[in-house]
Amino acid sequence: MPSSSRPHGQVPPALADVNDQIRHLMGQPASPHRAEEYSRLLGVWVDLVRGDVDQAA
């Protein structure tokens, strides 16, 4: 069984920060700025989680 890189299922601090930023952003009114910032944050999120994914067999 593969081991998890997350101790006790915890989210790394940088990823938790990005998740918090996304949650806060989604509480804002829809606007072109919000859409741009959401897209940027998703890119950051992808970069952070990319190294935490095990390759499929």
PDB file of N, CA and C in Angstrom:
ATOM      1  N   MET A   1       0.844  -1.172   0.000  1.00  0.00           N
ATOM      2  CA  MET A   1       0.000   0.000   0.000  1.00  0.00           C
ATOM      3  C   MET A   1       0.887   1.231   0.000  1.00  0.00           C
ATOM      4  N   PRO A   2       0.617   2.211  -0.910  1.00  0.00           N
ATOM      5  CA  PRO A   2       1.454   3.406  -0.961  1.00  0.00           C
ATOM      6  C   PRO A   2       1.283   4.245   0.300  1.00  0.00           C
ATOM      7  N   SER A   3       2.370   4.853   0.704  1.00  0.00           N
ATOM      8  CA  SER A   3       2.281   5.720   1.885  1.00  0.00           C
ATOM      9  C   SER A   3       1.910   7.125   1.462  1.00  0.00           C
ATOM     10  N   SER A   4       1.195   7.797   2.299  1.00  0.00           N
ATOM     11  CA  SER A   4       0.772   9.168   2.024  1.00  0.00           C
ATOM     12  C   SER A   4       1.879  10.130   2.412  1.00  0.00           C
ATOM     13  N   SER A   5       2.075  11.173   1.600  1.00  0.00           N
ATOM     14  CA  SER A   5       3.063  12.183   1.934  1.00  0.00           C
ATOM     15  C   SER A   5       2.489  13.190   2.926  1.00  0.00           C
ATOM     16  N   ARG A   6       1.223  13.058   3.240  1.00  0.00           N
ATOM     17  CA  ARG A   6       0.574  13.944   4.200  1.00  0.00           C
ATOM     18  C   ARG A   6       0.501  13.246   5.549  1.00  0.00           C
ATOM     19  N   PRO A   7       1.228  13.751   6.534  1.00  0.00           N
ATOM     20  CA  PRO A   7       1.171  13.105   7.850  1.00  0.00           C
ATOM     21  C   PRO A   7      -0.222  13.205   8.462  1.00  0.00           C
ATOM     22  N   HIS A   8      -0.786  12.076   8.814  1.00  0.00           N
ATOM     23  CA  HIS A   8      -2.102  12.013   9.464  1.00  0.00           C
ATOM     24  C   HIS A   8      -3.178  12.716   8.642  1.00  0.00           C
ATOM     25  N   GLY A   9      -3.032  12.724   7.309  1.00  0.00           N
ATOM     26  CA  GLY A   9      -4.036  13.311   6.437  1.00  0.00           C
ATOM     27  C   GLY A   9      -4.095  14.825   6.453  1.00  0.00           C
ATOM     28  N   GLN A  10      -3.112  15.473   7.052  1.00  0.00           N
ATOM     29  CA  GLN A  10      -3.112  16.926   7.125  1.00  0.00           C
ATOM     30  C   GLN A  10      -2.718  17.535   5.788  1.00  0.00           C
ATOM     31  N   VAL A  11      -3.288  18.680   5.496  1.00  0.00           N
ATOM     32  CA  VAL A  11      -2.972  19.412   4.280  1.00  0.00           C
ATOM     33  C   VAL A  11      -1.751  20.284   4.555  1.00  0.00           C
ATOM     34  N   PRO A  12      -0.769  20.296   3.636  1.00  0.00           N
ATOM     35  CA  PRO A  12       0.396  21.157   3.837  1.00  0.00           C
ATOM     36  C   PRO A  12      -0.024  22.621   4.031  1.00  0.00           C
ATOM     37  N   PRO A  13       0.706  23.382   4.843  1.00  0.00           N
ATOM     38  CA  PRO A  13       0.314  24.774   5.130  1.00  0.00           C
ATOM     39  C   PRO A  13       0.124  25.635   3.886  1.00  0.00           C
ATOM     40  N   ALA A  14       0.988  25.511   2.898  1.00  0.00           N
ATOM     41  CA  ALA A  14       0.848  26.339   1.696  1.00  0.00           C
ATOM     42  C   ALA A  14      -0.452  26.023   0.968  1.00  0.00           C
ATOM     43  N   LEU A  15      -0.808  24.741   0.915  1.00  0.00           N
ATOM     44  CA  LEU A  15      -2.046  24.341   0.253  1.00  0.00           C
ATOM     45  C   LEU A  15      -3.258  24.809   1.050  1.00  0.00           C
ATOM     46  N   ALA A  16      -3.187  24.715   2.357  1.00  0.00           N
ATOM     47  CA  ALA A  16      -4.280  25.195   3.203  1.00  0.00           C
ATOM     48  C   ALA A  16      -4.488  26.693   3.003  1.00  0.00           C
ATOM     49  N   ASP A  17      -3.392  27.436   2.845  1.00  0.00           N
ATOM     50  CA  ASP A  17      -3.489  28.879   2.624  1.00  0.00           C
ATOM     51  C   ASP A  17      -4.188  29.181   1.299  1.00  0.00           C
ATOM     52  N   VAL A  18      -3.817  28.457   0.242  1.00  0.00           N
ATOM     53  CA  VAL A  18      -4.456  28.665  -1.057  1.00  0.00           C
ATOM     54  C   VAL A  18      -5.933  28.288  -0.978  1.00  0.00           C
ATOM     55  N   ASN A  19      -6.255  27.187  -0.299  1.00  0.00           N
ATOM     56  CA  ASN A  19      -7.660  26.797  -0.140  1.00  0.00           C
ATOM     57  C   ASN A  19      -8.447  27.888   0.580  1.00  0.00           C
ATOM     58  N   ASP A  20      -7.855  28.476   1.616  1.00  0.00           N
ATOM     59  CA  ASP A  20      -8.522  29.564   2.344  1.00  0.00           C
ATOM     60  C   ASP A  20      -8.737  30.776   1.442  1.00  0.00           C
ATOM     61  N   GLN A  21      -7.742  31.088   0.629  1.00  0.00           N
ATOM     62  CA  GLN A  21      -7.876  32.217  -0.293  1.00  0.00           C
ATOM     63  C   GLN A  21      -8.998  31.977  -1.302  1.00  0.00           C
ATOM     64  N   ILE A  22      -9.094  30.744  -1.797  1.00  0.00           N
ATOM     65  CA  ILE A  22     -10.152  30.408  -2.757  1.00  0.00           C
ATOM     66  C   ILE A  22     -11.518  30.508  -2.084  1.00  0.00           C
ATOM     67  N   ARG A  23     -11.648  29.975  -0.859  1.00  0.00           N
ATOM     68  CA  ARG A  23     -12.925  30.070  -0.141  1.00  0.00           C
ATOM     69  C   ARG A  23     -13.334  31.522   0.077  1.00  0.00           C
ATOM     70  N   HIS A  24     -12.386  32.350   0.486  1.00  0.00           N
ATOM     71  CA  HIS A  24     -12.674  33.774   0.699  1.00  0.00           C
ATOM     72  C   HIS A  24     -13.106  34.430  -0.614  1.00  0.00           C
ATOM     73  N   LEU A  25     -12.396  34.125  -1.680  1.00  0.00           N
ATOM     74  CA  LEU A  25     -12.696  34.704  -2.984  1.00  0.00           C
ATOM     75  C   LEU A  25     -14.098  34.323  -3.448  1.00  0.00           C
ATOM     76  N   MET A  26     -14.502  33.079  -3.201  1.00  0.00           N
ATOM     77  CA  MET A  26     -15.822  32.638  -3.644  1.00  0.00           C
ATOM     78  C   MET A  26     -16.948  33.324  -2.864  1.00  0.00           C
ATOM     79  N   GLY A  27     -16.617  33.933  -1.746  1.00  0.00           N
ATOM     80  CA  GLY A  27     -17.602  34.701  -0.989  1.00  0.00           C
ATOM     81  C   GLY A  27     -17.791  36.111  -1.515  1.00  0.00           C
ATOM     82  N   GLN A  28     -16.968  36.500  -2.484  1.00  0.00           N
ATOM     83  CA  GLN A  28     -17.052  37.835  -3.068  1.00  0.00           C
ATOM     84  C   GLN A  28     -18.040  37.833  -4.236  1.00  0.00           C
ATOM     85  N   PRO A  29     -18.568  39.009  -4.566  1.00  0.00           N
ATOM     86  CA  PRO A  29     -19.466  39.088  -5.727  1.00  0.00           C
ATOM     87  C   PRO A  29     -18.727  38.699  -7.021  1.00  0.00           C
ATOM     88  N   ALA A  30     -19.463  38.088  -7.925  1.00  0.00           N
ATOM     89  CA  ALA A  30     -18.883  37.708  -9.214  1.00  0.00           C
ATOM     90  C   ALA A  30     -18.426  38.950  -9.965  1.00  0.00           C
ATOM     91  N   SER A  31     -17.231  38.864 -10.538  1.00  0.00           N
ATOM     92  CA  SER A  31     -16.687  39.980 -11.319  1.00  0.00           C
ATOM     93  C   SER A  31     -15.552  39.445 -12.177  1.00  0.00           C
ATOM     94  N   PRO A  32     -15.148  40.214 -13.176  1.00  0.00           N
ATOM     95  CA  PRO A  32     -14.004  39.782 -13.984  1.00  0.00           C
ATOM     96  C   PRO A  32     -12.731  39.615 -13.132  1.00  0.00           C
ATOM     97  N   HIS A  33     -12.548  40.484 -12.149  1.00  0.00           N
ATOM     98  CA  HIS A  33     -11.375  40.378 -11.270  1.00  0.00           C
ATOM     99  C   HIS A  33     -11.422  39.073 -10.472  1.00  0.00           C
ATOM    100  N   ARG A  34     -12.597  38.729  -9.946  1.00  0.00           N
ATOM    101  CA  ARG A  34     -12.719  37.485  -9.182  1.00  0.00           C
ATOM    102  C   ARG A  34     -12.407  36.287 -10.073  1.00  0.00           C
ATOM    103  N   ALA A  35     -12.891  36.297 -11.300  1.00  0.00           N
ATOM    104  CA  ALA A  35     -12.634  35.191 -12.224  1.00  0.00           C
ATOM    105  C   ALA A  35     -11.136  35.058 -12.514  1.00  0.00           C
ATOM    106  N   GLU A  36     -10.463  36.179 -12.727  1.00  0.00           N
ATOM    107  CA  GLU A  36      -9.025  36.151 -12.987  1.00  0.00           C
ATOM    108  C   GLU A  36      -8.257  35.633 -11.771  1.00  0.00           C
ATOM    109  N   GLU A  37      -8.630  36.112 -10.594  1.00  0.00           N
ATOM    110  CA  GLU A  37      -7.947  35.685  -9.375  1.00  0.00           C
ATOM    111  C   GLU A  37      -8.207  34.207  -9.097  1.00  0.00           C
ATOM    112  N   TYR A  38      -9.413  33.744  -9.356  1.00  0.00           N
ATOM    113  CA  TYR A  38      -9.744  32.331  -9.171  1.00  0.00           C
ATOM    114  C   TYR A  38      -8.881  31.476 -10.094  1.00  0.00           C
ATOM    115  N   SER A  39      -8.751  31.878 -11.328  1.00  0.00           N
ATOM    116  CA  SER A  39      -7.926  31.150 -12.281  1.00  0.00           C
ATOM    117  C   SER A  39      -6.471  31.112 -11.821  1.00  0.00           C
ATOM    118  N   ARG A  40      -5.969  32.226 -11.334  1.00  0.00           N
ATOM    119  CA  ARG A  40      -4.598  32.282 -10.844  1.00  0.00           C
ATOM    120  C   ARG A  40      -4.407  31.351  -9.646  1.00  0.00           C
ATOM    121  N   LEU A  41      -5.346  31.407  -8.703  1.00  0.00           N
ATOM    122  CA  LEU A  41      -5.248  30.564  -7.512  1.00  0.00           C
ATOM    123  C   LEU A  41      -5.346  29.080  -7.856  1.00  0.00           C
ATOM    124  N   LEU A  42      -6.169  28.734  -8.826  1.00  0.00           N
ATOM    125  CA  LEU A  42      -6.243  27.332  -9.249  1.00  0.00           C
ATOM    126  C   LEU A  42      -4.902  26.868  -9.815  1.00  0.00           C
ATOM    127  N   GLY A  43      -4.220  27.741 -10.546  1.00  0.00           N
ATOM    128  CA  GLY A  43      -2.898  27.404 -11.055  1.00  0.00           C
ATOM    129  C   GLY A  43      -1.912  27.155  -9.925  1.00  0.00           C
ATOM    130  N   VAL A  44      -1.960  27.981  -8.901  1.00  0.00           N
ATOM    131  CA  VAL A  44      -1.101  27.801  -7.729  1.00  0.00           C
ATOM    132  C   VAL A  44      -1.449  26.482  -7.048  1.00  0.00           C
ATOM    133  N   TRP A  45      -2.749  26.213  -6.893  1.00  0.00           N
ATOM    134  CA  TRP A  45      -3.205  24.985  -6.249  1.00  0.00           C
ATOM    135  C   TRP A  45      -2.693  23.754  -6.999  1.00  0.00           C
ATOM    136  N   VAL A  46      -2.799  23.778  -8.332  1.00  0.00           N
ATOM    137  CA  VAL A  46      -2.329  22.655  -9.148  1.00  0.00           C
ATOM    138  C   VAL A  46      -0.836  22.444  -8.942  1.00  0.00           C
ATOM    139  N   ASP A  47      -0.067  23.520  -8.942  1.00  0.00           N
ATOM    140  CA  ASP A  47       1.377  23.393  -8.738  1.00  0.00           C
ATOM    141  C   ASP A  47       1.697  22.762  -7.388  1.00  0.00           C
ATOM    142  N   LEU A  48       0.920  23.113  -6.368  1.00  0.00           N
ATOM    143  CA  LEU A  48       1.167  22.580  -5.030  1.00  0.00           C
ATOM    144  C   LEU A  48       0.800  21.100  -4.907  1.00  0.00           C
ATOM    145  N   VAL A  49      -0.278  20.688  -5.553  1.00  0.00           N
ATOM    146  CA  VAL A  49      -0.721  19.296  -5.402  1.00  0.00           C
ATOM    147  C   VAL A  49      -0.074  18.354  -6.407  1.00  0.00           C
ATOM    148  N   ARG A  50       0.505  18.884  -7.451  1.00  0.00           N
ATOM    149  CA  ARG A  50       1.096  18.035  -8.499  1.00  0.00           C
ATOM    150  C   ARG A  50       2.108  17.059  -7.914  1.00  0.00           C
ATOM    151  N   GLY A  51       2.923  17.493  -6.990  1.00  0.00           N
ATOM    152  CA  GLY A  51       3.927  16.624  -6.395  1.00  0.00           C
ATOM    153  C   GLY A  51       3.363  15.659  -5.376  1.00  0.00           C
ATOM    154  N   ASP A  52       2.074  15.794  -5.045  1.00  0.00           N
ATOM    155  CA  ASP A  52       1.450  14.955  -4.035  1.00  0.00           C
ATOM    156  C   ASP A  52       0.575  13.866  -4.637  1.00  0.00           C
ATOM    157  N   VAL A  53       0.747  13.626  -5.939  1.00  0.00           N
ATOM    158  CA  VAL A  53      -0.088  12.645  -6.636  1.00  0.00           C
ATOM    159  C   VAL A  53       0.774  11.459  -7.031  1.00  0.00           C
ATOM    160  N   ASP A  54       0.307  10.261  -6.680  1.00  0.00           N
ATOM    161  CA  ASP A  54       1.007   9.041  -7.076  1.00  0.00           C
ATOM    162  C   ASP A  54       0.604   8.686  -8.513  1.00  0.00           C
ATOM    163  N   GLN A  55       1.570   8.249  -9.293  1.00  0.00           N
ATOM    164  CA  GLN A  55       1.293   7.829 -10.664  1.00  0.00           C
ATOM    165  C   GLN A  55       0.460   6.551 -10.656  1.00  0.00           C
ATOM    166  N   ALA A  56      -0.452   6.446 -11.591  1.00  0.00           N
ATOM    167  CA  ALA A  56      -1.258   5.230 -11.728  1.00  0.00           C
ATOM    168  C   ALA A  56      -0.377   4.119 -12.292  1.00  0.00           C
ATOM    169  N   ALA A  57      -0.770   2.904 -12.016  1.00  0.00           N
ATOM    170  CA  ALA A  57       0.013   1.741 -12.479  1.00  0.00           C
ATOM    171  C   ALA A  57      -0.031   1.613 -13.976  1.00  0.00           C
TER     172      ALA A  57
END
